[in-house]
């Protein structure tokens, strides 16, 4: 079965997130996509990334006060744009 480009994008976001949240990455990204973008993660499109990154920044603000870590994470995500 071929992997759709949207699946690949979701996987890329999860892989980046894993560096910062470890095994919670998949659950975290899935929650952001479903709750804030109102779509299934496998339907994530490049046009969704700006909004997703904004929501991730907000969510990370609740998780940590380490602004350097959050900035690094967001910069890594922006490389997907």
PDB file of N, CA and C in Angstrom:
ATOM      1  N   UNK A   1       0.840  -1.184   0.000  1.00  0.00           N
ATOM      2  CA  UNK A   1       0.000   0.000   0.000  1.00  0.00           C
ATOM      3  C   UNK A   1       0.884   1.245   0.000  1.00  0.00           C
ATOM      4  N   UNK A   2       0.629   2.144  -0.899  1.00  0.00           N
ATOM      5  CA  UNK A   2       1.431   3.360  -1.011  1.00  0.00           C
ATOM      6  C   UNK A   2       1.052   4.335   0.100  1.00  0.00           C
ATOM      7  N   UNK A   3       2.024   5.066   0.567  1.00  0.00           N
ATOM      8  CA  UNK A   3       1.790   6.061   1.598  1.00  0.00           C
ATOM      9  C   UNK A   3       1.405   7.369   0.934  1.00  0.00           C
ATOM     10  N   UNK A   4       0.290   7.950   1.345  1.00  0.00           N
ATOM     11  CA  UNK A   4      -0.140   9.230   0.799  1.00  0.00           C
ATOM     12  C   UNK A   4       0.758  10.334   1.334  1.00  0.00           C
ATOM     13  N   UNK A   5       0.871  11.416   0.584  1.00  0.00           N
ATOM     14  CA  UNK A   5       1.726  12.523   1.025  1.00  0.00           C
ATOM     15  C   UNK A   5       1.218  13.117   2.335  1.00  0.00           C
ATOM     16  N   UNK A   6      -0.120  13.116   2.548  1.00  0.00           N
ATOM     17  CA  UNK A   6      -0.647  13.644   3.804  1.00  0.00           C
ATOM     18  C   UNK A   6      -0.237  12.758   4.981  1.00  0.00           C
ATOM     19  N   UNK A   7      -0.204  11.434   4.764  1.00  0.00           N
ATOM     20  CA  UNK A   7       0.276  10.530   5.811  1.00  0.00           C
ATOM     21  C   UNK A   7       1.730  10.847   6.129  1.00  0.00           C
ATOM     22  N   UNK A   8       2.495  11.076   5.098  1.00  0.00           N
ATOM     23  CA  UNK A   8       3.909  11.394   5.297  1.00  0.00           C
ATOM     24  C   UNK A   8       4.072  12.686   6.096  1.00  0.00           C
ATOM     25  N   UNK A   9       3.254  13.686   5.806  1.00  0.00           N
ATOM     26  CA  UNK A   9       3.343  14.949   6.525  1.00  0.00           C
ATOM     27  C   UNK A   9       3.027  14.734   8.003  1.00  0.00           C
ATOM     28  N   UNK A  10       1.980  14.001   8.279  1.00  0.00           N
ATOM     29  CA  UNK A  10       1.626  13.694   9.662  1.00  0.00           C
ATOM     30  C   UNK A  10       2.780  12.972  10.355  1.00  0.00           C
ATOM     31  N   UNK A  11       3.359  12.000   9.685  1.00  0.00           N
ATOM     32  CA  UNK A  11       4.481  11.244  10.246  1.00  0.00           C
ATOM     33  C   UNK A  11       5.676  12.167  10.497  1.00  0.00           C
ATOM     34  N   UNK A  12       5.917  13.096   9.591  1.00  0.00           N
ATOM     35  CA  UNK A  12       7.018  14.040   9.777  1.00  0.00           C
ATOM     36  C   UNK A  12       6.786  14.910  11.018  1.00  0.00           C
ATOM     37  N   UNK A  13       5.553  15.377  11.197  1.00  0.00           N
ATOM     38  CA  UNK A  13       5.232  16.193  12.369  1.00  0.00           C
ATOM     39  C   UNK A  13       5.424  15.371  13.644  1.00  0.00           C
ATOM     40  N   UNK A  14       4.959  14.131  13.631  1.00  0.00           N
ATOM     41  CA  UNK A  14       5.114  13.262  14.802  1.00  0.00           C
ATOM     42  C   UNK A  14       6.587  13.000  15.077  1.00  0.00           C
ATOM     43  N   UNK A  15       7.369  12.744  14.045  1.00  0.00           N
ATOM     44  CA  UNK A  15       8.802  12.471  14.236  1.00  0.00           C
ATOM     45  C   UNK A  15       9.513  13.659  14.875  1.00  0.00           C
ATOM     46  N   UNK A  16       9.197  14.858  14.434  1.00  0.00           N
ATOM     47  CA  UNK A  16       9.793  16.051  15.040  1.00  0.00           C
ATOM     48  C   UNK A  16       9.336  16.175  16.491  1.00  0.00           C
ATOM     49  N   UNK A  17       8.058  15.960  16.717  1.00  0.00           N
ATOM     50  CA  UNK A  17       7.485  16.082  18.052  1.00  0.00           C
ATOM     51  C   UNK A  17       8.088  15.063  19.011  1.00  0.00           C
ATOM     52  N   UNK A  18       8.413  13.900  18.492  1.00  0.00           N
ATOM     53  CA  UNK A  18       8.998  12.847  19.323  1.00  0.00           C
ATOM     54  C   UNK A  18      10.296  13.292  19.984  1.00  0.00           C
ATOM     55  N   UNK A  19      11.038  14.149  19.317  1.00  0.00           N
ATOM     56  CA  UNK A  19      12.288  14.664  19.898  1.00  0.00           C
ATOM     57  C   UNK A  19      12.019  15.487  21.164  1.00  0.00           C
ATOM     58  N   UNK A  20      10.824  16.040  21.260  1.00  0.00           N
ATOM     59  CA  UNK A  20      10.492  16.918  22.379  1.00  0.00           C
ATOM     60  C   UNK A  20       9.557  16.274  23.405  1.00  0.00           C
ATOM     61  N   UNK A  21       8.694  15.358  22.949  1.00  0.00           N
ATOM     62  CA  UNK A  21       7.713  14.764  23.855  1.00  0.00           C
ATOM     63  C   UNK A  21       7.827  13.250  23.981  1.00  0.00           C
ATOM     64  N   UNK A  22       8.799  12.678  23.310  1.00  0.00           N
ATOM     65  CA  UNK A  22       9.000  11.238  23.406  1.00  0.00           C
ATOM     66  C   UNK A  22       7.795  10.446  22.934  1.00  0.00           C
ATOM     67  N   UNK A  23       7.454   9.379  23.655  1.00  0.00           N
ATOM     68  CA  UNK A  23       6.383   8.488  23.222  1.00  0.00           C
ATOM     69  C   UNK A  23       4.992   9.142  23.207  1.00  0.00           C
ATOM     70  N   UNK A  24       4.850  10.296  23.805  1.00  0.00           N
ATOM     71  CA  UNK A  24       3.558  10.990  23.802  1.00  0.00           C
ATOM     72  C   UNK A  24       3.312  11.756  22.504  1.00  0.00           C
ATOM     73  N   UNK A  25       4.288  11.778  21.612  1.00  0.00           N
ATOM     74  CA  UNK A  25       4.220  12.594  20.402  1.00  0.00           C
ATOM     75  C   UNK A  25       3.003  12.288  19.536  1.00  0.00           C
ATOM     76  N   UNK A  26       2.779  11.018  19.238  1.00  0.00           N
ATOM     77  CA  UNK A  26       1.670  10.656  18.348  1.00  0.00           C
ATOM     78  C   UNK A  26       0.332  11.099  18.941  1.00  0.00           C
ATOM     79  N   UNK A  27       0.143  10.811  20.203  1.00  0.00           N
ATOM     80  CA  UNK A  27      -1.110  11.197  20.866  1.00  0.00           C
ATOM     81  C   UNK A  27      -1.280  12.715  20.895  1.00  0.00           C
ATOM     82  N   UNK A  28      -0.197  13.432  21.182  1.00  0.00           N
ATOM     83  CA  UNK A  28      -0.224  14.898  21.240  1.00  0.00           C
ATOM     84  C   UNK A  28      -0.602  15.494  19.886  1.00  0.00           C
ATOM     85  N   UNK A  29       0.073  15.055  18.825  1.00  0.00           N
ATOM     86  CA  UNK A  29      -0.200  15.604  17.489  1.00  0.00           C
ATOM     87  C   UNK A  29      -1.608  15.233  17.037  1.00  0.00           C
ATOM     88  N   UNK A  30      -1.998  14.007  17.274  1.00  0.00           N
ATOM     89  CA  UNK A  30      -3.351  13.575  16.906  1.00  0.00           C
ATOM     90  C   UNK A  30      -4.394  14.461  17.578  1.00  0.00           C
ATOM     91  N   UNK A  31      -4.198  14.725  18.859  1.00  0.00           N
ATOM     92  CA  UNK A  31      -5.141  15.572  19.595  1.00  0.00           C
ATOM     93  C   UNK A  31      -5.192  16.978  19.014  1.00  0.00           C
ATOM     94  N   UNK A  32      -4.037  17.550  18.685  1.00  0.00           N
ATOM     95  CA  UNK A  32      -4.014  18.906  18.119  1.00  0.00           C
ATOM     96  C   UNK A  32      -4.752  18.955  16.783  1.00  0.00           C
ATOM     97  N   UNK A  33      -4.488  17.974  15.939  1.00  0.00           N
ATOM     98  CA  UNK A  33      -5.114  17.951  14.609  1.00  0.00           C
ATOM     99  C   UNK A  33      -6.628  17.756  14.731  1.00  0.00           C
ATOM    100  N   UNK A  34      -7.044  16.802  15.527  1.00  0.00           N
ATOM    101  CA  UNK A  34      -8.485  16.513  15.650  1.00  0.00           C
ATOM    102  C   UNK A  34      -9.248  17.638  16.347  1.00  0.00           C
ATOM    103  N   UNK A  35      -8.713  18.128  17.448  1.00  0.00           N
ATOM    104  CA  UNK A  35      -9.450  19.119  18.233  1.00  0.00           C
ATOM    105  C   UNK A  35      -9.427  20.519  17.650  1.00  0.00           C
ATOM    106  N   UNK A  36      -8.315  20.906  17.054  1.00  0.00           N
ATOM    107  CA  UNK A  36      -8.191  22.288  16.597  1.00  0.00           C
ATOM    108  C   UNK A  36      -8.383  22.449  15.086  1.00  0.00           C
ATOM    109  N   UNK A  37      -7.965  21.474  14.324  1.00  0.00           N
ATOM    110  CA  UNK A  37      -8.140  21.560  12.872  1.00  0.00           C
ATOM    111  C   UNK A  37      -9.407  20.842  12.423  1.00  0.00           C
ATOM    112  N   UNK A  38      -9.998  20.065  13.337  1.00  0.00           N
ATOM    113  CA  UNK A  38     -11.231  19.343  13.066  1.00  0.00           C
ATOM    114  C   UNK A  38     -11.121  18.404  11.868  1.00  0.00           C
ATOM    115  N   UNK A  39     -10.017  17.641  11.849  1.00  0.00           N
ATOM    116  CA  UNK A  39      -9.837  16.665  10.783  1.00  0.00           C
ATOM    117  C   UNK A  39      -9.061  15.477  11.295  1.00  0.00           C
ATOM    118  N   UNK A  40      -9.109  14.398  10.564  1.00  0.00           N
ATOM    119  CA  UNK A  40      -8.324  13.221  10.908  1.00  0.00           C
ATOM    120  C   UNK A  40      -6.872  13.470  10.552  1.00  0.00           C
ATOM    121  N   UNK A  41      -5.952  12.980  11.373  1.00  0.00           N
ATOM    122  CA  UNK A  41      -4.524  13.213  11.130  1.00  0.00           C
ATOM    123  C   UNK A  41      -4.062  12.784   9.735  1.00  0.00           C
ATOM    124  N   UNK A  42      -4.624  11.718   9.204  1.00  0.00           N
ATOM    125  CA  UNK A  42      -4.196  11.257   7.880  1.00  0.00           C
ATOM    126  C   UNK A  42      -4.607  12.225   6.771  1.00  0.00           C
ATOM    127  N   UNK A  43      -5.452  13.195   7.085  1.00  0.00           N
ATOM    128  CA  UNK A  43      -5.862  14.201   6.107  1.00  0.00           C
ATOM    129  C   UNK A  43      -5.081  15.511   6.246  1.00  0.00           C
ATOM    130  N   UNK A  44      -4.097  15.522   7.124  1.00  0.00           N
ATOM    131  CA  UNK A  44      -3.279  16.722   7.329  1.00  0.00           C
ATOM    132  C   UNK A  44      -2.623  17.133   6.021  1.00  0.00           C
ATOM    133  N   UNK A  45      -2.786  18.400   5.677  1.00  0.00           N
ATOM    134  CA  UNK A  45      -2.220  18.941   4.440  1.00  0.00           C
ATOM    135  C   UNK A  45      -1.257  20.071   4.774  1.00  0.00           C
ATOM    136  N   UNK A  46      -0.390  20.358   3.823  1.00  0.00           N
ATOM    137  CA  UNK A  46       0.595  21.423   4.039  1.00  0.00           C
ATOM    138  C   UNK A  46      -0.082  22.745   4.399  1.00  0.00           C
ATOM    139  N   UNK A  47      -1.230  22.986   3.807  1.00  0.00           N
ATOM    140  CA  UNK A  47      -1.941  24.245   4.091  1.00  0.00           C
ATOM    141  C   UNK A  47      -2.416  24.331   5.544  1.00  0.00           C
ATOM    142  N   UNK A  48      -2.453  23.191   6.238  1.00  0.00           N
ATOM    143  CA  UNK A  48      -2.864  23.157   7.647  1.00  0.00           C
ATOM    144  C   UNK A  48      -1.726  23.472   8.611  1.00  0.00           C
ATOM    145  N   UNK A  49      -0.502  23.436   8.115  1.00  0.00           N
ATOM    146  CA  UNK A  49       0.653  23.523   9.008  1.00  0.00           C
ATOM    147  C   UNK A  49       0.741  24.820   9.803  1.00  0.00           C
ATOM    148  N   UNK A  50       0.429  25.941   9.189  1.00  0.00           N
ATOM    149  CA  UNK A  50       0.535  27.216   9.910  1.00  0.00           C
ATOM    150  C   UNK A  50      -0.381  27.200  11.131  1.00  0.00           C
ATOM    151  N   UNK A  51      -1.636  26.792  10.942  1.00  0.00           N
ATOM    152  CA  UNK A  51      -2.570  26.724  12.069  1.00  0.00           C
ATOM    153  C   UNK A  51      -2.137  25.676  13.090  1.00  0.00           C
ATOM    154  N   UNK A  52      -1.696  24.516  12.608  1.00  0.00           N
ATOM    155  CA  UNK A  52      -1.251  23.458  13.511  1.00  0.00           C
ATOM    156  C   UNK A  52      -0.073  23.926  14.359  1.00  0.00           C
ATOM    157  N   UNK A  53       0.882  24.576  13.736  1.00  0.00           N
ATOM    158  CA  UNK A  53       2.052  25.072  14.471  1.00  0.00           C
ATOM    159  C   UNK A  53       1.629  26.090  15.525  1.00  0.00           C
ATOM    160  N   UNK A  54       0.684  26.962  15.192  1.00  0.00           N
ATOM    161  CA  UNK A  54       0.190  27.931  16.187  1.00  0.00           C
ATOM    162  C   UNK A  54      -0.439  27.221  17.380  1.00  0.00           C
ATOM    163  N   UNK A  55      -1.251  26.189  17.120  1.00  0.00           N
ATOM    164  CA  UNK A  55      -1.883  25.450  18.206  1.00  0.00           C
ATOM    165  C   UNK A  55      -0.858  24.679  19.029  1.00  0.00           C
ATOM    166  N   UNK A  56       0.120  24.137  18.365  1.00  0.00           N
ATOM    167  CA  UNK A  56       1.176  23.408  19.088  1.00  0.00           C
ATOM    168  C   UNK A  56       1.941  24.361  19.994  1.00  0.00           C
ATOM    169  N   UNK A  57       2.215  25.556  19.511  1.00  0.00           N
ATOM    170  CA  UNK A  57       2.916  26.555  20.338  1.00  0.00           C
ATOM    171  C   UNK A  57       2.108  26.850  21.614  1.00  0.00           C
ATOM    172  N   UNK A  58       0.805  27.040  21.462  1.00  0.00           N
ATOM    173  CA  UNK A  58      -0.064  27.305  22.615  1.00  0.00           C
ATOM    174  C   UNK A  58      -0.036  26.124  23.583  1.00  0.00           C
ATOM    175  N   UNK A  59      -0.212  24.916  23.057  1.00  0.00           N
ATOM    176  CA  UNK A  59      -0.238  23.722  23.903  1.00  0.00           C
ATOM    177  C   UNK A  59       1.079  23.531  24.639  1.00  0.00           C
ATOM    178  N   UNK A  60       2.183  23.775  23.960  1.00  0.00           N
ATOM    179  CA  UNK A  60       3.492  23.614  24.592  1.00  0.00           C
ATOM    180  C   UNK A  60       3.687  24.642  25.705  1.00  0.00           C
ATOM    181  N   UNK A  61       3.048  25.796  25.574  1.00  0.00           N
ATOM    182  CA  UNK A  61       3.111  26.803  26.628  1.00  0.00           C
ATOM    183  C   UNK A  61       2.499  26.322  27.928  1.00  0.00           C
ATOM    184  N   UNK A  62       1.545  25.402  27.824  1.00  0.00           N
ATOM    185  CA  UNK A  62       0.936  24.816  29.019  1.00  0.00           C
ATOM    186  C   UNK A  62       1.778  23.689  29.590  1.00  0.00           C
ATOM    187  N   UNK A  63       2.602  23.095  28.750  1.00  0.00           N
ATOM    188  CA  UNK A  63       3.402  21.938  29.160  1.00  0.00           C
ATOM    189  C   UNK A  63       4.725  22.351  29.791  1.00  0.00           C
ATOM    190  N   UNK A  64       5.343  23.407  29.241  1.00  0.00           N
ATOM    191  CA  UNK A  64       6.668  23.798  29.714  1.00  0.00           C
ATOM    192  C   UNK A  64       6.834  25.312  29.678  1.00  0.00           C
ATOM    193  N   UNK A  65       7.694  25.801  30.534  1.00  0.00           N
ATOM    194  CA  UNK A  65       8.052  27.220  30.531  1.00  0.00           C
ATOM    195  C   UNK A  65       9.390  27.434  29.822  1.00  0.00           C
ATOM    196  N   UNK A  66       9.942  26.384  29.260  1.00  0.00           N
ATOM    197  CA  UNK A  66      11.230  26.459  28.566  1.00  0.00           C
ATOM    198  C   UNK A  66      11.020  27.043  27.169  1.00  0.00           C
ATOM    199  N   UNK A  67      11.127  28.361  27.068  1.00  0.00           N
ATOM    200  CA  UNK A  67      10.876  29.057  25.806  1.00  0.00           C
ATOM    201  C   UNK A  67      11.882  28.700  24.721  1.00  0.00           C
ATOM    202  N   UNK A  68      13.100  28.387  25.112  1.00  0.00           N
ATOM    203  CA  UNK A  68      14.119  27.997  24.135  1.00  0.00           C
ATOM    204  C   UNK A  68      13.731  26.670  23.490  1.00  0.00           C
ATOM    205  N   UNK A  69      13.305  25.723  24.296  1.00  0.00           N
ATOM    206  CA  UNK A  69      12.879  24.425  23.787  1.00  0.00           C
ATOM    207  C   UNK A  69      11.675  24.575  22.857  1.00  0.00           C
ATOM    208  N   UNK A  70      10.693  25.359  23.265  1.00  0.00           N
ATOM    209  CA  UNK A  70       9.504  25.565  22.439  1.00  0.00           C
ATOM    210  C   UNK A  70       9.884  26.227  21.123  1.00  0.00           C
ATOM    211  N   UNK A  71      10.742  27.227  21.170  1.00  0.00           N
ATOM    212  CA  UNK A  71      11.173  27.912  19.941  1.00  0.00           C
ATOM    213  C   UNK A  71      11.898  26.968  18.999  1.00  0.00           C
ATOM    214  N   UNK A  72      12.741  26.125  19.551  1.00  0.00           N
ATOM    215  CA  UNK A  72      13.471  25.153  18.737  1.00  0.00           C
ATOM    216  C   UNK A  72      12.491  24.176  18.076  1.00  0.00           C
ATOM    217  N   UNK A  73      11.532  23.704  18.848  1.00  0.00           N
ATOM    218  CA  UNK A  73      10.512  22.783  18.351  1.00  0.00           C
ATOM    219  C   UNK A  73       9.717  23.441  17.214  1.00  0.00           C
ATOM    220  N   UNK A  74       9.267  24.660  17.433  1.00  0.00           N
ATOM    221  CA  UNK A  74       8.487  25.379  16.419  1.00  0.00           C
ATOM    222  C   UNK A  74       9.329  25.620  15.170  1.00  0.00           C
ATOM    223  N   UNK A  75      10.581  25.987  15.340  1.00  0.00           N
ATOM    224  CA  UNK A  75      11.466  26.181  14.186  1.00  0.00           C
ATOM    225  C   UNK A  75      11.617  24.886  13.388  1.00  0.00           C
ATOM    226  N   UNK A  76      11.729  23.757  14.092  1.00  0.00           N
ATOM    227  CA  UNK A  76      11.821  22.465  13.396  1.00  0.00           C
ATOM    228  C   UNK A  76      10.555  22.179  12.608  1.00  0.00           C
ATOM    229  N   UNK A  77       9.403  22.489  13.189  1.00  0.00           N
ATOM    230  CA  UNK A  77       8.141  22.281  12.481  1.00  0.00           C
ATOM    231  C   UNK A  77       8.021  23.200  11.267  1.00  0.00           C
ATOM    232  N   UNK A  78       8.481  24.431  11.399  1.00  0.00           N
ATOM    233  CA  UNK A  78       8.393  25.390  10.287  1.00  0.00           C
ATOM    234  C   UNK A  78       9.208  24.946   9.083  1.00  0.00           C
ATOM    235  N   UNK A  79      10.195  24.097   9.297  1.00  0.00           N
ATOM    236  CA  UNK A  79      10.976  23.587   8.171  1.00  0.00           C
ATOM    237  C   UNK A  79      10.125  22.726   7.231  1.00  0.00           C
ATOM    238  N   UNK A  80       8.984  22.275   7.706  1.00  0.00           N
ATOM    239  CA  UNK A  80       8.067  21.491   6.868  1.00  0.00           C
ATOM    240  C   UNK A  80       7.224  22.357   5.949  1.00  0.00           C
ATOM    241  N   UNK A  81       7.191  23.668   6.209  1.00  0.00           N
ATOM    242  CA  UNK A  81       6.374  24.583   5.383  1.00  0.00           C
ATOM    243  C   UNK A  81       6.896  24.707   3.969  1.00  0.00           C
TER     244      UNK A  81
END
